[in-house]
N, C-alpha and C. Protein backbone atom coordinates (compact mmCIF):
# COMPACT_ATOMS: atom_id res chain seq x y z
N MET A 1 0.84 -1.17 0.00
CA MET A 1 0.00 0.00 0.00
C MET A 1 0.89 1.24 0.00
N ARG A 2 0.48 2.21 -0.74
CA ARG A 2 1.24 3.45 -0.83
C ARG A 2 0.47 4.58 -0.12
N PHE A 3 1.14 5.25 0.80
CA PHE A 3 0.53 6.37 1.50
C PHE A 3 0.64 7.63 0.65
N GLU A 4 -0.38 8.46 0.73
CA GLU A 4 -0.40 9.70 -0.03
C GLU A 4 -0.45 10.93 0.86
N GLN A 5 -0.75 10.72 2.14
CA GLN A 5 -0.96 11.85 3.03
C GLN A 5 -0.47 11.51 4.44
N VAL A 6 0.17 12.49 5.08
CA VAL A 6 0.57 12.36 6.48
C VAL A 6 0.00 13.57 7.21
N ILE A 7 -0.71 13.31 8.30
CA ILE A 7 -1.29 14.39 9.10
C ILE A 7 -0.70 14.32 10.50
N PHE A 8 -0.09 15.42 10.91
CA PHE A 8 0.48 15.54 12.25
C PHE A 8 -0.52 16.28 13.12
N TRP A 9 -0.87 15.70 14.26
CA TRP A 9 -1.80 16.31 15.22
C TRP A 9 -0.97 16.71 16.44
N GLN A 10 -0.92 18.02 16.71
CA GLN A 10 -0.11 18.50 17.83
C GLN A 10 -0.88 19.59 18.59
N VAL A 11 -0.44 19.84 19.79
CA VAL A 11 -1.06 20.87 20.61
C VAL A 11 -0.74 22.25 20.06
N ASN A 12 0.55 22.55 19.90
CA ASN A 12 1.00 23.85 19.42
C ASN A 12 2.07 23.66 18.36
N PRO A 13 2.25 24.64 17.47
CA PRO A 13 3.39 24.57 16.56
C PRO A 13 4.68 24.49 17.37
N SER A 14 5.58 23.64 16.94
CA SER A 14 6.79 23.39 17.72
C SER A 14 8.05 23.64 16.91
N PRO A 15 8.91 24.54 17.38
CA PRO A 15 10.18 24.74 16.68
C PRO A 15 11.09 23.52 16.78
N HIS A 16 10.76 22.60 17.67
CA HIS A 16 11.56 21.38 17.83
C HIS A 16 11.20 20.32 16.78
N GLN A 17 9.96 20.32 16.34
CA GLN A 17 9.53 19.32 15.37
C GLN A 17 9.39 19.86 13.96
N ALA A 18 9.30 21.17 13.83
CA ALA A 18 9.10 21.78 12.52
C ALA A 18 10.18 21.41 11.49
N PRO A 19 11.47 21.37 11.86
CA PRO A 19 12.48 21.07 10.84
C PRO A 19 12.30 19.72 10.15
N TRP A 20 11.98 18.69 10.91
CA TRP A 20 11.85 17.38 10.25
C TRP A 20 10.53 17.26 9.50
N ILE A 21 9.47 17.94 9.98
CA ILE A 21 8.21 17.94 9.24
C ILE A 21 8.39 18.71 7.93
N ARG A 22 9.07 19.86 7.99
CA ARG A 22 9.37 20.65 6.80
C ARG A 22 10.21 19.82 5.82
N ALA A 23 11.22 19.13 6.32
CA ALA A 23 12.08 18.30 5.47
C ALA A 23 11.28 17.18 4.82
N LEU A 24 10.37 16.57 5.55
CA LEU A 24 9.53 15.51 4.98
C LEU A 24 8.72 16.07 3.82
N ALA A 25 8.13 17.25 4.00
CA ALA A 25 7.34 17.87 2.93
C ALA A 25 8.21 18.21 1.73
N GLU A 26 9.42 18.69 1.97
CA GLU A 26 10.31 19.08 0.87
C GLU A 26 10.86 17.87 0.12
N ARG A 27 11.14 16.80 0.84
CA ARG A 27 11.80 15.64 0.23
C ARG A 27 10.85 14.60 -0.33
N THR A 28 9.59 14.73 -0.02
CA THR A 28 8.60 13.77 -0.53
C THR A 28 7.42 14.54 -1.12
N PRO A 29 7.64 15.22 -2.25
CA PRO A 29 6.59 16.06 -2.82
C PRO A 29 5.33 15.29 -3.21
N ALA A 30 5.43 13.98 -3.36
CA ALA A 30 4.24 13.20 -3.70
C ALA A 30 3.30 13.06 -2.51
N LEU A 31 3.81 13.28 -1.29
CA LEU A 31 2.98 13.20 -0.09
C LEU A 31 2.37 14.55 0.23
N ARG A 32 1.11 14.54 0.63
CA ARG A 32 0.49 15.75 1.19
C ARG A 32 0.77 15.72 2.69
N ILE A 33 1.43 16.76 3.19
CA ILE A 33 1.77 16.83 4.61
C ILE A 33 0.94 17.95 5.23
N THR A 34 0.28 17.63 6.33
CA THR A 34 -0.56 18.60 7.02
C THR A 34 -0.22 18.60 8.51
N GLY A 35 -0.13 19.78 9.08
CA GLY A 35 0.05 19.94 10.53
C GLY A 35 -1.21 20.56 11.10
N VAL A 36 -1.81 19.88 12.05
CA VAL A 36 -3.03 20.37 12.69
C VAL A 36 -2.71 20.67 14.15
N PHE A 37 -2.94 21.91 14.55
CA PHE A 37 -2.58 22.36 15.89
C PHE A 37 -3.81 22.89 16.63
N GLN A 38 -3.88 22.60 17.91
CA GLN A 38 -5.02 23.06 18.71
C GLN A 38 -5.02 24.57 18.88
N ALA A 39 -3.83 25.17 18.93
CA ALA A 39 -3.73 26.61 19.17
C ALA A 39 -2.39 27.14 18.67
N GLU A 40 -2.29 28.45 18.55
CA GLU A 40 -1.04 29.12 18.23
C GLU A 40 -0.07 28.91 19.40
N LEU A 41 1.15 29.34 19.22
CA LEU A 41 2.09 29.31 20.33
C LEU A 41 1.53 30.12 21.49
N SER A 42 1.72 29.63 22.68
CA SER A 42 1.21 30.33 23.86
C SER A 42 1.99 31.61 24.13
N LYS A 43 1.35 32.50 24.85
CA LYS A 43 2.00 33.76 25.22
C LYS A 43 3.29 33.50 26.01
N SER A 44 3.25 32.50 26.87
CA SER A 44 4.44 32.21 27.68
C SER A 44 5.61 31.74 26.81
N ARG A 45 5.33 30.98 25.76
CA ARG A 45 6.40 30.54 24.85
C ARG A 45 6.95 31.73 24.07
N LEU A 46 6.05 32.60 23.61
CA LEU A 46 6.49 33.78 22.88
C LEU A 46 7.36 34.67 23.77
N GLU A 47 6.99 34.77 25.04
CA GLU A 47 7.77 35.57 25.99
C GLU A 47 9.15 34.97 26.24
N LEU A 48 9.29 33.66 26.03
CA LEU A 48 10.58 33.00 26.15
C LEU A 48 11.46 33.21 24.92
N GLY A 49 10.90 33.86 23.91
CA GLY A 49 11.66 34.13 22.70
C GLY A 49 11.36 33.19 21.55
N TRP A 50 10.40 32.28 21.73
CA TRP A 50 10.04 31.39 20.64
C TRP A 50 9.36 32.22 19.55
N SER A 51 9.50 31.80 18.32
CA SER A 51 8.77 32.42 17.23
C SER A 51 8.05 31.32 16.46
N PRO A 52 7.00 31.70 15.75
CA PRO A 52 6.27 30.67 14.99
C PRO A 52 7.22 29.93 14.05
N PRO A 53 7.22 28.60 14.09
CA PRO A 53 8.15 27.83 13.27
C PRO A 53 7.78 27.83 11.79
N ASP A 54 8.78 27.54 10.98
CA ASP A 54 8.61 27.45 9.54
C ASP A 54 8.37 25.99 9.16
N TYR A 55 7.18 25.71 8.66
CA TYR A 55 6.85 24.35 8.24
C TYR A 55 6.98 24.17 6.73
N GLY A 56 7.51 25.16 6.04
CA GLY A 56 7.74 25.04 4.60
C GLY A 56 6.47 24.77 3.83
N GLU A 57 6.50 23.72 3.02
CA GLU A 57 5.38 23.37 2.15
C GLU A 57 4.23 22.65 2.87
N THR A 58 4.41 22.42 4.15
CA THR A 58 3.37 21.74 4.94
C THR A 58 2.14 22.62 5.05
N SER A 59 0.99 22.04 4.85
CA SER A 59 -0.27 22.75 5.08
C SER A 59 -0.49 22.83 6.58
N VAL A 60 -0.69 24.03 7.11
CA VAL A 60 -0.83 24.23 8.55
C VAL A 60 -2.23 24.70 8.87
N MET A 61 -2.83 24.06 9.86
CA MET A 61 -4.16 24.45 10.34
C MET A 61 -4.08 24.71 11.83
N ILE A 62 -4.58 25.85 12.25
CA ILE A 62 -4.60 26.20 13.67
C ILE A 62 -6.05 26.22 14.12
N ALA A 63 -6.35 25.43 15.14
CA ALA A 63 -7.69 25.36 15.73
C ALA A 63 -8.79 25.22 14.68
N PRO A 64 -8.71 24.17 13.86
CA PRO A 64 -9.75 23.99 12.84
C PRO A 64 -11.09 23.65 13.49
N GLU A 65 -12.13 23.95 12.76
CA GLU A 65 -13.48 23.62 13.23
C GLU A 65 -13.67 22.11 13.24
N GLU A 66 -14.62 21.67 14.02
CA GLU A 66 -14.86 20.22 14.13
C GLU A 66 -15.18 19.59 12.78
N SER A 67 -15.90 20.29 11.92
CA SER A 67 -16.23 19.73 10.61
C SER A 67 -14.96 19.50 9.78
N THR A 68 -13.99 20.39 9.90
CA THR A 68 -12.72 20.22 9.19
C THR A 68 -11.96 19.03 9.75
N ILE A 69 -11.96 18.88 11.06
CA ILE A 69 -11.30 17.73 11.70
C ILE A 69 -11.92 16.43 11.21
N ARG A 70 -13.24 16.39 11.17
CA ARG A 70 -13.92 15.17 10.68
C ARG A 70 -13.56 14.86 9.23
N GLN A 71 -13.45 15.91 8.41
CA GLN A 71 -13.05 15.71 7.01
C GLN A 71 -11.64 15.13 6.93
N LEU A 72 -10.74 15.66 7.73
CA LEU A 72 -9.37 15.15 7.73
C LEU A 72 -9.32 13.69 8.15
N LEU A 73 -10.09 13.35 9.16
CA LEU A 73 -10.10 11.97 9.65
C LEU A 73 -10.70 11.00 8.63
N ALA A 74 -11.62 11.49 7.82
CA ALA A 74 -12.29 10.63 6.84
C ALA A 74 -11.60 10.62 5.48
N SER A 75 -10.65 11.51 5.27
CA SER A 75 -10.00 11.66 3.97
C SER A 75 -9.05 10.51 3.67
N ASP A 76 -9.39 9.69 2.69
CA ASP A 76 -8.54 8.57 2.26
C ASP A 76 -7.94 7.79 3.42
N PRO A 77 -8.73 7.18 4.28
CA PRO A 77 -8.17 6.50 5.46
C PRO A 77 -7.17 5.40 5.13
N GLU A 78 -7.31 4.76 3.98
CA GLU A 78 -6.37 3.70 3.62
C GLU A 78 -5.03 4.26 3.14
N LYS A 79 -5.00 5.54 2.77
CA LYS A 79 -3.79 6.13 2.22
C LYS A 79 -3.24 7.27 3.08
N THR A 80 -3.74 7.35 4.32
CA THR A 80 -3.33 8.44 5.22
C THR A 80 -2.71 7.89 6.48
N VAL A 81 -1.62 8.52 6.92
CA VAL A 81 -0.98 8.20 8.18
C VAL A 81 -1.24 9.38 9.11
N HIS A 82 -1.75 9.10 10.31
CA HIS A 82 -1.99 10.12 11.33
C HIS A 82 -0.93 9.94 12.43
N ILE A 83 -0.23 11.02 12.75
CA ILE A 83 0.78 10.98 13.79
C ILE A 83 0.36 11.98 14.87
N CYS A 84 0.11 11.46 16.06
CA CYS A 84 -0.35 12.28 17.17
C CYS A 84 0.79 12.44 18.18
N THR A 85 1.08 13.69 18.55
CA THR A 85 2.12 13.95 19.53
C THR A 85 1.65 15.00 20.53
N GLY A 86 2.41 15.11 21.60
CA GLY A 86 2.13 16.15 22.59
C GLY A 86 1.09 15.77 23.56
């Protein structure tokens, strides 16, 4: 079976994980890469000097509506990998 889509489910955008997710999107153009985040970076992280990470060609969604989440979960389930972290 060949996967066509990878969806990352995370709490917040992470400068620690963004580089490898960005690299995956850049090095595997045949894959659709999506990052779904519950919220933007928190105020406390921004105050620590964090800045919004660069996900490159990755499609990024921040706090999507429930209908969008359901669509993502139902989209090509046999050809989609879901990675949940955080």
